Amino acid sequence: MTLKGAVFLLITALLTVSGQIMMKLGTPDSGSLSVKNVLTSPLLVAGAVCYAASFLSWLQVLPCLQ
């Protein structure tokens, strides 16, 4: 694996973990999620953005693993 691949792998892991933590913290304790609650919760939106960024980062890692 190249240095570029290792850096993107680390970024992917950090973004994935950050997204999971933000989504956990942004989920209401009542357990009822509505579209309004999801779109107005900054932590849920940030968590989703982190997940999307981790997916794009993972796509950069895959070619480096060959």
PDB file of N, CA and C in Angstrom:
ATOM      1  N   MET A   1       0.849  -1.171   0.000  1.00  0.00           N
ATOM      2  CA  MET A   1       0.000   0.000   0.000  1.00  0.00           C
ATOM      3  C   MET A   1       0.898   1.238   0.000  1.00  0.00           C
ATOM      4  N   THR A   2       0.478   2.199  -0.764  1.00  0.00           N
ATOM      5  CA  THR A   2       1.238   3.442  -0.854  1.00  0.00           C
ATOM      6  C   THR A   2       0.907   4.358   0.323  1.00  0.00           C
ATOM      7  N   LEU A   3       1.693   5.398   0.472  1.00  0.00           N
ATOM      8  CA  LEU A   3       1.438   6.378   1.529  1.00  0.00           C
ATOM      9  C   LEU A   3       0.088   7.052   1.311  1.00  0.00           C
ATOM     10  N   LYS A   4      -0.228   7.343   0.054  1.00  0.00           N
ATOM     11  CA  LYS A   4      -1.520   7.955  -0.270  1.00  0.00           C
ATOM     12  C   LYS A   4      -2.661   7.058   0.178  1.00  0.00           C
ATOM     13  N   GLY A   5      -2.532   5.764  -0.078  1.00  0.00           N
ATOM     14  CA  GLY A   5      -3.569   4.823   0.326  1.00  0.00           C
ATOM     15  C   GLY A   5      -3.714   4.752   1.835  1.00  0.00           C
ATOM     16  N   ALA A   6      -2.589   4.772   2.554  1.00  0.00           N
ATOM     17  CA  ALA A   6      -2.629   4.719   4.010  1.00  0.00           C
ATOM     18  C   ALA A   6      -3.287   5.970   4.586  1.00  0.00           C
ATOM     19  N   VAL A   7      -2.990   7.114   4.004  1.00  0.00           N
ATOM     20  CA  VAL A   7      -3.594   8.367   4.478  1.00  0.00           C
ATOM     21  C   VAL A   7      -5.098   8.339   4.245  1.00  0.00           C
ATOM     22  N   PHE A   8      -5.526   7.919   3.052  1.00  0.00           N
ATOM     23  CA  PHE A   8      -6.956   7.853   2.774  1.00  0.00           C
ATOM     24  C   PHE A   8      -7.650   6.808   3.641  1.00  0.00           C
ATOM     25  N   LEU A   9      -6.959   5.726   3.957  1.00  0.00           N
ATOM     26  CA  LEU A   9      -7.535   4.711   4.844  1.00  0.00           C
ATOM     27  C   LEU A   9      -7.755   5.291   6.239  1.00  0.00           C
ATOM     28  N   LEU A  10      -6.800   6.047   6.739  1.00  0.00           N
ATOM     29  CA  LEU A  10      -6.944   6.689   8.040  1.00  0.00           C
ATOM     30  C   LEU A  10      -8.076   7.710   8.022  1.00  0.00           C
ATOM     31  N   ILE A  11      -8.150   8.494   6.959  1.00  0.00           N
ATOM     32  CA  ILE A  11      -9.224   9.482   6.827  1.00  0.00           C
ATOM     33  C   ILE A  11     -10.579   8.782   6.793  1.00  0.00           C
ATOM     34  N   THR A  12     -10.665   7.665   6.056  1.00  0.00           N
ATOM     35  CA  THR A  12     -11.916   6.919   5.973  1.00  0.00           C
ATOM     36  C   THR A  12     -12.353   6.433   7.346  1.00  0.00           C
ATOM     37  N   ALA A  13     -11.432   5.877   8.099  1.00  0.00           N
ATOM     38  CA  ALA A  13     -11.761   5.379   9.435  1.00  0.00           C
ATOM     39  C   ALA A  13     -12.222   6.509  10.353  1.00  0.00           C
ATOM     40  N   LEU A  14     -11.512   7.634  10.312  1.00  0.00           N
ATOM     41  CA  LEU A  14     -11.882   8.761  11.171  1.00  0.00           C
ATOM     42  C   LEU A  14     -13.253   9.332  10.800  1.00  0.00           C
ATOM     43  N   LEU A  15     -13.527   9.438   9.509  1.00  0.00           N
ATOM     44  CA  LEU A  15     -14.823   9.959   9.083  1.00  0.00           C
ATOM     45  C   LEU A  15     -15.957   9.004   9.446  1.00  0.00           C
ATOM     46  N   THR A  16     -15.717   7.707   9.318  1.00  0.00           N
ATOM     47  CA  THR A  16     -16.747   6.726   9.651  1.00  0.00           C
ATOM     48  C   THR A  16     -17.074   6.765  11.143  1.00  0.00           C
ATOM     49  N   VAL A  17     -16.042   6.770  11.966  1.00  0.00           N
ATOM     50  CA  VAL A  17     -16.252   6.813  13.417  1.00  0.00           C
ATOM     51  C   VAL A  17     -16.920   8.131  13.825  1.00  0.00           C
ATOM     52  N   SER A  18     -16.468   9.232  13.247  1.00  0.00           N
ATOM     53  CA  SER A  18     -17.069  10.532  13.560  1.00  0.00           C
ATOM     54  C   SER A  18     -18.544  10.559  13.168  1.00  0.00           C
ATOM     55  N   GLY A  19     -18.851  10.017  12.004  1.00  0.00           N
ATOM     56  CA  GLY A  19     -20.242   9.968  11.556  1.00  0.00           C
ATOM     57  C   GLY A  19     -21.105   9.145  12.486  1.00  0.00           C
ATOM     58  N   GLN A  20     -20.608   8.004  12.937  1.00  0.00           N
ATOM     59  CA  GLN A  20     -21.380   7.168  13.855  1.00  0.00           C
ATOM     60  C   GLN A  20     -21.623   7.877  15.180  1.00  0.00           C
ATOM     61  N   ILE A  21     -20.599   8.518  15.708  1.00  0.00           N
ATOM     62  CA  ILE A  21     -20.747   9.218  16.990  1.00  0.00           C
ATOM     63  C   ILE A  21     -21.729  10.369  16.862  1.00  0.00           C
ATOM     64  N   MET A  22     -21.612  11.162  15.788  1.00  0.00           N
ATOM     65  CA  MET A  22     -22.523  12.291  15.606  1.00  0.00           C
ATOM     66  C   MET A  22     -23.957  11.829  15.429  1.00  0.00           C
ATOM     67  N   MET A  23     -24.149  10.745  14.692  1.00  0.00           N
ATOM     68  CA  MET A  23     -25.510  10.248  14.503  1.00  0.00           C
ATOM     69  C   MET A  23     -26.079   9.699  15.811  1.00  0.00           C
ATOM     70  N   LYS A  24     -25.260   9.059  16.613  1.00  0.00           N
ATOM     71  CA  LYS A  24     -25.710   8.571  17.911  1.00  0.00           C
ATOM     72  C   LYS A  24     -26.101   9.728  18.816  1.00  0.00           C
ATOM     73  N   LEU A  25     -25.265  10.760  18.869  1.00  0.00           N
ATOM     74  CA  LEU A  25     -25.562  11.903  19.725  1.00  0.00           C
ATOM     75  C   LEU A  25     -26.744  12.722  19.217  1.00  0.00           C
ATOM     76  N   GLY A  26     -26.981  12.709  17.913  1.00  0.00           N
ATOM     77  CA  GLY A  26     -28.060  13.502  17.338  1.00  0.00           C
ATOM     78  C   GLY A  26     -29.403  12.818  17.338  1.00  0.00           C
ATOM     79  N   THR A  27     -29.429  11.529  17.657  1.00  0.00           N
ATOM     80  CA  THR A  27     -30.690  10.792  17.675  1.00  0.00           C
ATOM     81  C   THR A  27     -31.444  11.127  18.962  1.00  0.00           C
ATOM     82  N   PRO A  28     -32.729  11.474  18.836  1.00  0.00           N
ATOM     83  CA  PRO A  28     -33.492  11.804  20.043  1.00  0.00           C
ATOM     84  C   PRO A  28     -33.673  10.575  20.936  1.00  0.00           C
ATOM     85  N   ASP A  29     -33.724  10.820  22.245  1.00  0.00           N
ATOM     86  CA  ASP A  29     -33.877   9.730  23.209  1.00  0.00           C
ATOM     87  C   ASP A  29     -35.237   9.045  23.099  1.00  0.00           C
ATOM     88  N   SER A  30     -36.221   9.752  22.594  1.00  0.00           N
ATOM     89  CA  SER A  30     -37.565   9.169  22.501  1.00  0.00           C
ATOM     90  C   SER A  30     -37.617   8.031  21.485  1.00  0.00           C
ATOM     91  N   GLY A  31     -36.687   8.008  20.577  1.00  0.00           N
ATOM     92  CA  GLY A  31     -36.642   6.935  19.590  1.00  0.00           C
ATOM     93  C   GLY A  31     -37.515   7.181  18.371  1.00  0.00           C
ATOM     94  N   SER A  32     -38.301   8.246  18.384  1.00  0.00           N
ATOM     95  CA  SER A  32     -39.161   8.524  17.234  1.00  0.00           C
ATOM     96  C   SER A  32     -38.448   9.513  16.312  1.00  0.00           C
ATOM     97  N   LEU A  33     -38.161   9.050  15.113  1.00  0.00           N
ATOM     98  CA  LEU A  33     -37.512   9.904  14.129  1.00  0.00           C
ATOM     99  C   LEU A  33     -38.516  10.283  13.057  1.00  0.00           C
ATOM    100  N   SER A  34     -38.615  11.541  12.787  1.00  0.00           N
ATOM    101  CA  SER A  34     -39.420  11.998  11.667  1.00  0.00           C
ATOM    102  C   SER A  34     -38.486  12.717  10.695  1.00  0.00           C
ATOM    103  N   VAL A  35     -38.969  12.963   9.503  1.00  0.00           N
ATOM    104  CA  VAL A  35     -38.151  13.656   8.504  1.00  0.00           C
ATOM    105  C   VAL A  35     -37.760  15.039   9.026  1.00  0.00           C
ATOM    106  N   LYS A  36     -38.698  15.689   9.698  1.00  0.00           N
ATOM    107  CA  LYS A  36     -38.421  17.021  10.244  1.00  0.00           C
ATOM    108  C   LYS A  36     -37.295  16.960  11.287  1.00  0.00           C
ATOM    109  N   ASN A  37     -37.352  15.969  12.177  1.00  0.00           N
ATOM    110  CA  ASN A  37     -36.312  15.841  13.205  1.00  0.00           C
ATOM    111  C   ASN A  37     -34.952  15.570  12.583  1.00  0.00           C
ATOM    112  N   VAL A  38     -34.925  14.746  11.559  1.00  0.00           N
ATOM    113  CA  VAL A  38     -33.652  14.388  10.921  1.00  0.00           C
ATOM    114  C   VAL A  38     -33.049  15.592  10.213  1.00  0.00           C
ATOM    115  N   LEU A  39     -33.861  16.321   9.482  1.00  0.00           N
ATOM    116  CA  LEU A  39     -33.343  17.442   8.700  1.00  0.00           C
ATOM    117  C   LEU A  39     -33.002  18.657   9.543  1.00  0.00           C
ATOM    118  N   THR A  40     -33.540  18.742  10.752  1.00  0.00           N
ATOM    119  CA  THR A  40     -33.269  19.903  11.598  1.00  0.00           C
ATOM    120  C   THR A  40     -32.242  19.612  12.683  1.00  0.00           C
ATOM    121  N   SER A  41     -31.758  18.387  12.763  1.00  0.00           N
ATOM    122  CA  SER A  41     -30.742  18.054  13.757  1.00  0.00           C
ATOM    123  C   SER A  41     -29.355  18.231  13.141  1.00  0.00           C
ATOM    124  N   PRO A  42     -28.601  19.199  13.625  1.00  0.00           N
ATOM    125  CA  PRO A  42     -27.268  19.435  13.046  1.00  0.00           C
ATOM    126  C   PRO A  42     -26.341  18.223  13.168  1.00  0.00           C
ATOM    127  N   LEU A  43     -26.448  17.486  14.268  1.00  0.00           N
ATOM    128  CA  LEU A  43     -25.574  16.325  14.442  1.00  0.00           C
ATOM    129  C   LEU A  43     -25.921  15.203  13.469  1.00  0.00           C
ATOM    130  N   LEU A  44     -27.204  14.993  13.212  1.00  0.00           N
ATOM    131  CA  LEU A  44     -27.577  13.957  12.249  1.00  0.00           C
ATOM    132  C   LEU A  44     -27.142  14.325  10.834  1.00  0.00           C
ATOM    133  N   VAL A  45     -27.305  15.594  10.484  1.00  0.00           N
ATOM    134  CA  VAL A  45     -26.886  16.041   9.152  1.00  0.00           C
ATOM    135  C   VAL A  45     -25.367  15.941   9.021  1.00  0.00           C
ATOM    136  N   ALA A  46     -24.637  16.364  10.050  1.00  0.00           N
ATOM    137  CA  ALA A  46     -23.168  16.281  10.012  1.00  0.00           C
ATOM    138  C   ALA A  46     -22.710  14.830   9.958  1.00  0.00           C
ATOM    139  N   GLY A  47     -23.400  13.951  10.673  1.00  0.00           N
ATOM    140  CA  GLY A  47     -23.069  12.533  10.627  1.00  0.00           C
ATOM    141  C   GLY A  47     -23.263  11.953   9.243  1.00  0.00           C
ATOM    142  N   ALA A  48     -24.350  12.332   8.583  1.00  0.00           N
ATOM    143  CA  ALA A  48     -24.603  11.861   7.223  1.00  0.00           C
ATOM    144  C   ALA A  48     -23.549  12.381   6.250  1.00  0.00           C
ATOM    145  N   VAL A  49     -23.128  13.612   6.440  1.00  0.00           N
ATOM    146  CA  VAL A  49     -22.079  14.193   5.591  1.00  0.00           C
ATOM    147  C   VAL A  49     -20.759  13.444   5.804  1.00  0.00           C
ATOM    148  N   CYS A  50     -20.464  13.106   7.052  1.00  0.00           N
ATOM    149  CA  CYS A  50     -19.241  12.335   7.335  1.00  0.00           C
ATOM    150  C   CYS A  50     -19.297  10.967   6.664  1.00  0.00           C
ATOM    151  N   TYR A  51     -20.457  10.316   6.713  1.00  0.00           N
ATOM    152  CA  TYR A  51     -20.597   9.026   6.051  1.00  0.00           C
ATOM    153  C   TYR A  51     -20.387   9.148   4.545  1.00  0.00           C
ATOM    154  N   ALA A  52     -20.957  10.182   3.944  1.00  0.00           N
ATOM    155  CA  ALA A  52     -20.788  10.387   2.499  1.00  0.00           C
ATOM    156  C   ALA A  52     -19.316  10.642   2.170  1.00  0.00           C
ATOM    157  N   ALA A  53     -18.655  11.440   2.992  1.00  0.00           N
ATOM    158  CA  ALA A  53     -17.232  11.720   2.765  1.00  0.00           C
ATOM    159  C   ALA A  53     -16.388  10.466   2.965  1.00  0.00           C
ATOM    160  N   SER A  54     -16.758   9.621   3.928  1.00  0.00           N
ATOM    161  CA  SER A  54     -15.996   8.392   4.139  1.00  0.00           C
ATOM    162  C   SER A  54     -16.162   7.443   2.963  1.00  0.00           C
ATOM    163  N   PHE A  55     -17.343   7.429   2.363  1.00  0.00           N
ATOM    164  CA  PHE A  55     -17.553   6.611   1.169  1.00  0.00           C
ATOM    165  C   PHE A  55     -16.653   7.076   0.027  1.00  0.00           C
ATOM    166  N   LEU A  56     -16.595   8.386  -0.179  1.00  0.00           N
ATOM    167  CA  LEU A  56     -15.743   8.921  -1.248  1.00  0.00           C
ATOM    168  C   LEU A  56     -14.271   8.655  -0.953  1.00  0.00           C
ATOM    169  N   SER A  57     -13.889   8.748   0.307  1.00  0.00           N
ATOM    170  CA  SER A  57     -12.512   8.453   0.684  1.00  0.00           C
ATOM    171  C   SER A  57     -12.197   6.973   0.467  1.00  0.00           C
ATOM    172  N   TRP A  58     -13.147   6.115   0.772  1.00  0.00           N
ATOM    173  CA  TRP A  58     -12.943   4.674   0.575  1.00  0.00           C
ATOM    174  C   TRP A  58     -12.729   4.360  -0.902  1.00  0.00           C
ATOM    175  N   LEU A  59     -13.428   5.079  -1.760  1.00  0.00           N
ATOM    176  CA  LEU A  59     -13.236   4.864  -3.205  1.00  0.00           C
ATOM    177  C   LEU A  59     -11.810   5.222  -3.633  1.00  0.00           C
ATOM    178  N   GLN A  60     -11.151   6.102  -2.893  1.00  0.00           N
ATOM    179  CA  GLN A  60      -9.759   6.432  -3.179  1.00  0.00           C
ATOM    180  C   GLN A  60      -8.808   5.375  -2.628  1.00  0.00           C
ATOM    181  N   VAL A  61      -9.221   4.673  -1.582  1.00  0.00           N
ATOM    182  CA  VAL A  61      -8.383   3.634  -0.989  1.00  0.00           C
ATOM    183  C   VAL A  61      -8.354   2.387  -1.858  1.00  0.00           C
ATOM    184  N   LEU A  62      -9.484   2.000  -2.401  1.00  0.00           N
ATOM    185  CA  LEU A  62      -9.593   0.726  -3.108  1.00  0.00           C
ATOM    186  C   LEU A  62      -8.535   0.517  -4.191  1.00  0.00           C
ATOM    187  N   PRO A  63      -8.260   1.482  -5.061  1.00  0.00           N
ATOM    188  CA  PRO A  63      -7.222   1.247  -6.074  1.00  0.00           C
ATOM    189  C   PRO A  63      -5.825   1.061  -5.479  1.00  0.00           C
ATOM    190  N   CYS A  64      -5.595   1.590  -4.300  1.00  0.00           N
ATOM    191  CA  CYS A  64      -4.277   1.479  -3.677  1.00  0.00           C
ATOM    192  C   CYS A  64      -4.037   0.107  -3.067  1.00  0.00           C
ATOM    193  N   LEU A  65      -5.069  -0.694  -2.926  1.00  0.00           N
ATOM    194  CA  LEU A  65      -4.940  -2.004  -2.290  1.00  0.00           C
ATOM    195  C   LEU A  65      -4.519  -3.096  -3.271  1.00  0.00           C
ATOM    196  N   GLN A  66      -4.490  -2.809  -4.528  1.00  0.00           N
ATOM    197  CA  GLN A  66      -4.155  -3.848  -5.515  1.00  0.00           C
ATOM    198  C   GLN A  66      -2.679  -4.092  -5.576  1.00  0.00           C
TER     199      GLN A  66
END
